[in-house]
Amino acid sequence: MTNVDEDRDRKDVLSDEEFNVLLAQARGNEDKVLANRNPAILCVLRLTGKRREEVAALKFSDVWLEKNDIPGINDRGQISTQFLNINFMLLKKSHHKKLPDGTVLPASPPPERVRPIPLEDPLTKPIVDYMNFLKNRFDETPKFFWVNVRPCFGHNIYQLDKGITGRTIYNVVRDTADGARIVVWPHLFRETAGAEEVKQDPSLYGVFKVANRIDVTERTAWNYMRRHAMNVIRRDYEKSGRVE
């Protein structure tokens, strides 16, 4: 079983092979709603690296397909004009503000940011499939993107007007990982997305790409760059035989 405290120091990214095993495990759920919902959750986490509360808060209207006249290039260098757009509320950036006189101002509404993802990326397919599944499965459009599933006397009840929580995201990742016998926790998807950006562009611009993709401070983005550099140095030393 995944133990985040023990495993965090031994693992800093999720490999493509491990993620494919996770997807296969999630698709094997006997409940058709969960067999469509859970793979889509995993793909949103993997593609965006967003916080679990931000992924959980998605409404149905926050996810849509769009054709853009301006081509974009995906991570594999493919040109695309078809995009899957996901609009996130950046919950961590909404804070109470305390004035010098001690007055506490209420938190402002969290800012929003749209993440466009080229449809050529294969990980968009489970998300699009889930969208189409919801439209065909239910007569009414769900308020939230992730259908809340509640077990009751051996059957599942689907609540279309009630979303899920960040804890639900955690449980989906944990249970899927345990079933697949892989060590994974939700924050590992953020680490993987950040490392992916740095690996593709280990320059000053890469720092800003990390900050933009997973919505972290510039200081945190620099930490991703430092970690990547240390890994490169360590690999070079190991290849030269100077480190066992």
Protein backbone atom coordinates (compact mmCIF):
# COMPACT_ATOMS: atom_id res chain seq x y z
CA MET A 1 0.00 0.00 0.00
CA THR A 2 1.24 3.50 -0.82
CA ASN A 3 2.86 5.27 2.13
CA VAL A 4 3.50 8.87 1.09
CA ASP A 5 5.80 9.69 4.02
CA GLU A 6 8.06 6.70 3.35
CA ASP A 7 7.93 6.77 -0.47
CA ARG A 8 8.35 10.50 -1.15
CA ASP A 9 12.15 10.41 -0.77
CA ARG A 10 12.50 7.38 -3.04
CA LYS A 11 10.49 8.64 -6.02
CA ASP A 12 10.18 12.05 -7.66
CA VAL A 13 8.49 11.33 -11.03
CA LEU A 14 5.93 8.94 -12.50
CA SER A 15 7.09 7.04 -15.59
CA ASP A 16 4.95 6.63 -18.72
CA GLU A 17 4.96 2.86 -18.18
CA GLU A 18 3.64 3.24 -14.64
CA PHE A 19 0.95 5.65 -15.78
CA ASN A 20 -0.25 3.25 -18.49
CA VAL A 21 -0.56 0.51 -15.86
CA LEU A 22 -2.59 2.90 -13.68
CA LEU A 23 -4.93 3.67 -16.59
CA ALA A 24 -5.50 0.00 -17.30
CA GLN A 25 -6.29 -0.61 -13.64
CA ALA A 26 -8.76 2.32 -13.51
CA ARG A 27 -10.55 1.15 -16.68
CA GLY A 28 -11.18 -2.24 -15.08
CA ASN A 29 -13.71 -0.93 -12.56
CA GLU A 30 -16.97 -2.89 -12.65
CA ASP A 31 -19.03 0.30 -12.38
CA LYS A 32 -19.20 1.90 -15.85
CA VAL A 33 -19.38 5.44 -14.47
CA LEU A 34 -16.22 4.91 -12.42
CA ALA A 35 -14.55 3.02 -15.27
CA ASN A 36 -14.95 6.20 -17.37
CA ARG A 37 -14.53 8.83 -14.63
CA ASN A 38 -11.40 7.57 -12.88
CA PRO A 39 -9.17 7.24 -15.99
CA ALA A 40 -10.23 10.78 -16.95
CA ILE A 41 -9.24 12.03 -13.48
CA LEU A 42 -5.82 10.43 -13.83
CA CYS A 43 -5.33 11.99 -17.27
CA VAL A 44 -6.25 15.49 -16.06
CA LEU A 45 -3.75 15.13 -13.23
CA ARG A 46 -1.04 13.87 -15.57
CA LEU A 47 -1.61 16.47 -18.30
CA THR A 48 -1.95 19.54 -16.10
CA GLY A 49 -0.18 18.84 -12.80
CA LYS A 50 -2.87 20.85 -11.02
CA ARG A 51 -3.64 20.49 -7.32
CA ARG A 52 -6.18 17.82 -6.43
CA GLU A 53 -8.64 20.39 -5.00
CA GLU A 54 -8.49 22.34 -8.28
CA VAL A 55 -9.15 19.20 -10.30
CA ALA A 56 -12.01 18.19 -7.99
CA ALA A 57 -13.68 21.62 -8.30
CA LEU A 58 -14.18 21.42 -12.08
CA LYS A 59 -17.69 22.11 -13.32
CA PHE A 60 -19.06 20.52 -16.48
CA SER A 61 -18.93 23.92 -18.19
CA ASP A 62 -15.20 24.19 -17.37
CA VAL A 63 -14.26 21.56 -19.96
CA TRP A 64 -14.92 22.01 -23.67
CA LEU A 65 -13.55 21.30 -27.14
CA GLU A 66 -12.50 24.11 -29.44
CA LYS A 67 -11.02 24.62 -32.87
CA ASN A 68 -8.42 27.36 -32.99
CA ASP A 69 -7.31 29.14 -36.16
CA ILE A 70 -3.85 29.53 -34.64
CA PRO A 71 -2.02 26.17 -34.64
CA GLY A 72 -0.38 24.93 -31.47
CA ILE A 73 2.37 22.38 -31.00
CA ASN A 74 2.00 19.58 -28.47
CA ASP A 75 4.74 17.92 -26.42
CA ARG A 76 5.52 15.54 -29.27
CA GLY A 77 6.04 18.30 -31.82
CA GLN A 78 2.75 17.68 -33.61
CA ILE A 79 0.77 20.63 -34.96
CA SER A 80 -2.84 20.92 -33.86
CA THR A 81 -5.79 23.27 -34.26
CA GLN A 82 -8.14 21.14 -32.13
CA PHE A 83 -7.92 21.67 -28.39
CA LEU A 84 -9.39 20.35 -25.18
CA ASN A 85 -9.79 23.38 -22.89
CA ILE A 86 -9.93 23.00 -19.12
CA ASN A 87 -10.68 26.03 -16.96
CA PHE A 88 -9.24 25.78 -13.43
CA MET A 89 -9.88 27.92 -10.37
CA LEU A 90 -6.48 28.52 -8.76
CA LEU A 91 -7.69 27.94 -5.22
CA LYS A 92 -4.35 28.38 -3.46
CA LYS A 93 -4.05 31.93 -4.83
CA SER A 94 -7.12 33.15 -2.94
CA HIS A 95 -6.08 34.29 0.54
CA HIS A 96 -7.36 36.49 3.34
CA LYS A 97 -5.45 39.76 3.57
CA LYS A 98 -4.47 41.30 6.90
CA LEU A 99 -3.99 45.07 7.03
CA PRO A 100 -1.40 46.80 9.28
CA ASP A 101 -4.16 47.82 11.71
CA GLY A 102 -5.16 44.19 12.19
CA THR A 103 -8.25 44.31 9.97
CA VAL A 104 -8.74 41.09 8.03
CA LEU A 105 -10.17 41.43 4.53
CA PRO A 106 -12.10 38.45 3.12
CA ALA A 107 -10.44 36.37 0.46
CA SER A 108 -11.01 37.49 -3.10
CA PRO A 109 -12.52 35.05 -5.58
CA PRO A 110 -9.82 32.66 -6.84
CA PRO A 111 -8.41 33.54 -10.26
CA GLU A 112 -9.12 31.25 -13.18
CA ARG A 113 -6.82 29.90 -15.86
CA VAL A 114 -7.65 27.95 -19.03
CA ARG A 115 -5.28 25.13 -19.95
CA PRO A 116 -5.56 24.31 -23.69
CA ILE A 117 -4.35 20.80 -24.58
CA PRO A 118 -3.92 19.69 -28.22
CA LEU A 119 -6.23 16.78 -29.05
CA GLU A 120 -3.31 14.97 -30.68
CA ASP A 121 -2.13 14.14 -27.17
CA PRO A 122 -3.45 10.59 -26.54
CA LEU A 123 -4.16 11.38 -22.90
CA THR A 124 -6.99 13.70 -23.95
CA LYS A 125 -8.97 10.71 -25.26
CA PRO A 126 -10.11 9.32 -21.87
CA ILE A 127 -11.27 12.82 -20.91
CA VAL A 128 -13.23 13.32 -24.14
CA ASP A 129 -14.63 9.79 -23.88
CA TYR A 130 -15.83 10.58 -20.35
CA MET A 131 -17.52 13.78 -21.56
CA ASN A 132 -19.36 11.84 -24.27
CA PHE A 133 -20.22 9.06 -21.83
CA LEU A 134 -21.91 11.55 -19.48
CA LYS A 135 -23.96 13.03 -22.32
CA ASN A 136 -25.20 9.58 -23.35
CA ARG A 137 -25.58 8.08 -19.88
CA PHE A 138 -27.62 10.80 -18.16
CA ASP A 139 -30.66 12.75 -19.37
CA GLU A 140 -29.60 15.93 -17.61
CA THR A 141 -26.26 17.69 -17.80
CA PRO A 142 -24.28 17.28 -14.56
CA LYS A 143 -23.44 20.47 -12.70
CA PHE A 144 -19.95 19.25 -11.89
CA PHE A 145 -17.55 17.50 -14.24
CA TRP A 146 -16.84 14.60 -11.89
CA VAL A 147 -19.98 12.69 -10.98
CA ASN A 148 -20.24 12.02 -7.27
CA VAL A 149 -20.69 8.27 -6.73
CA ARG A 150 -21.99 7.13 -3.35
CA PRO A 151 -22.40 3.46 -2.40
CA CYS A 152 -25.70 2.52 -0.78
CA PHE A 153 -26.69 -1.05 0.18
CA GLY A 154 -24.53 -2.66 -2.48
CA HIS A 155 -25.48 -0.22 -5.24
CA ASN A 156 -23.99 3.05 -6.41
CA ILE A 157 -25.99 6.28 -6.41
CA TYR A 158 -24.95 8.96 -8.90
CA GLN A 159 -25.34 12.55 -7.67
CA LEU A 160 -25.22 14.92 -10.62
CA ASP A 161 -25.69 18.09 -8.57
CA LYS A 162 -22.90 17.31 -6.13
CA GLY A 163 -19.22 17.34 -6.98
CA ILE A 164 -16.30 15.49 -5.45
CA THR A 165 -13.61 16.67 -3.04
CA GLY A 166 -9.83 16.67 -3.10
CA ARG A 167 -10.01 13.70 -0.75
CA THR A 168 -11.94 11.77 -3.41
CA ILE A 169 -9.12 12.48 -5.88
CA TYR A 170 -6.65 11.19 -3.30
CA ASN A 171 -8.69 8.01 -2.79
CA VAL A 172 -8.96 7.38 -6.54
CA VAL A 173 -5.18 7.66 -6.97
CA ARG A 174 -4.41 5.60 -3.87
CA ASP A 175 -6.87 2.80 -4.60
CA THR A 176 -5.87 2.58 -8.26
CA ALA A 177 -2.18 2.57 -7.36
CA ASP A 178 -2.65 -0.12 -4.73
CA GLY A 179 -4.59 -2.27 -7.20
CA ALA A 180 -1.83 -1.85 -9.76
CA ARG A 181 0.89 -2.36 -7.12
CA ILE A 182 2.51 0.97 -7.98
CA VAL A 183 3.68 3.65 -5.57
CA VAL A 184 1.77 6.83 -6.53
CA TRP A 185 0.19 9.76 -4.70
CA PRO A 186 -1.57 12.87 -6.14
CA HIS A 187 1.29 15.34 -5.63
CA LEU A 188 3.57 13.09 -7.67
CA PHE A 189 1.64 14.20 -10.76
CA ARG A 190 2.69 17.82 -10.04
CA GLU A 191 6.29 16.75 -9.59
CA THR A 192 6.14 14.81 -12.87
CA ALA A 193 4.62 17.71 -14.82
CA GLY A 194 7.19 20.15 -13.47
CA ALA A 195 10.07 17.79 -14.23
CA GLU A 196 8.69 17.24 -17.72
CA GLU A 197 8.79 20.96 -18.52
CA VAL A 198 12.33 21.32 -17.19
CA LYS A 199 13.55 18.28 -19.14
CA GLN A 200 12.11 19.68 -22.37
CA ASP A 201 13.57 23.15 -21.82
CA PRO A 202 16.33 23.42 -19.16
CA SER A 203 16.70 27.16 -19.75
CA LEU A 204 15.52 30.32 -18.06
CA TYR A 205 12.38 30.13 -20.19
CA GLY A 206 11.81 26.61 -18.87
CA VAL A 207 11.49 28.02 -15.35
CA PHE A 208 8.57 30.18 -16.44
CA LYS A 209 7.00 27.23 -18.28
CA VAL A 210 7.04 25.25 -15.05
CA ALA A 211 5.49 28.13 -13.13
CA ASN A 212 2.78 28.53 -15.78
CA ARG A 213 1.90 24.85 -16.14
CA ILE A 214 1.50 23.88 -12.49
CA ASP A 215 0.93 27.38 -11.06
CA VAL A 216 3.79 27.68 -8.61
CA THR A 217 5.97 30.60 -7.58
CA GLU A 218 9.13 31.40 -9.50
CA ARG A 219 11.15 30.25 -6.49
CA THR A 220 9.50 26.82 -6.55
CA ALA A 221 10.02 26.60 -10.31
CA TRP A 222 13.74 27.24 -9.78
CA ASN A 223 13.77 24.30 -7.34
CA TYR A 224 12.56 22.05 -10.15
CA MET A 225 15.41 23.33 -12.32
CA ARG A 226 17.96 22.73 -9.53
CA ARG A 227 16.66 19.20 -8.94
CA HIS A 228 16.89 18.40 -12.65
CA ALA A 229 20.49 19.68 -12.77
CA MET A 230 21.43 17.55 -9.77
CA ASN A 231 19.93 14.47 -11.42
CA VAL A 232 21.91 15.11 -14.61
CA ILE A 233 25.13 15.53 -12.62
CA ARG A 234 24.44 12.38 -10.61
CA ARG A 235 23.81 10.33 -13.76
CA ASP A 236 27.05 11.60 -15.33
CA TYR A 237 29.00 10.62 -12.23
CA GLU A 238 27.41 7.19 -12.15
CA LYS A 239 28.23 6.58 -15.82
CA SER A 240 31.84 7.58 -15.23
CA GLY A 241 32.10 5.08 -12.40
CA ARG A 242 32.92 7.67 -9.77
CA VAL A 243 29.77 6.94 -7.78
CA GLU A 244 28.64 3.44 -6.92
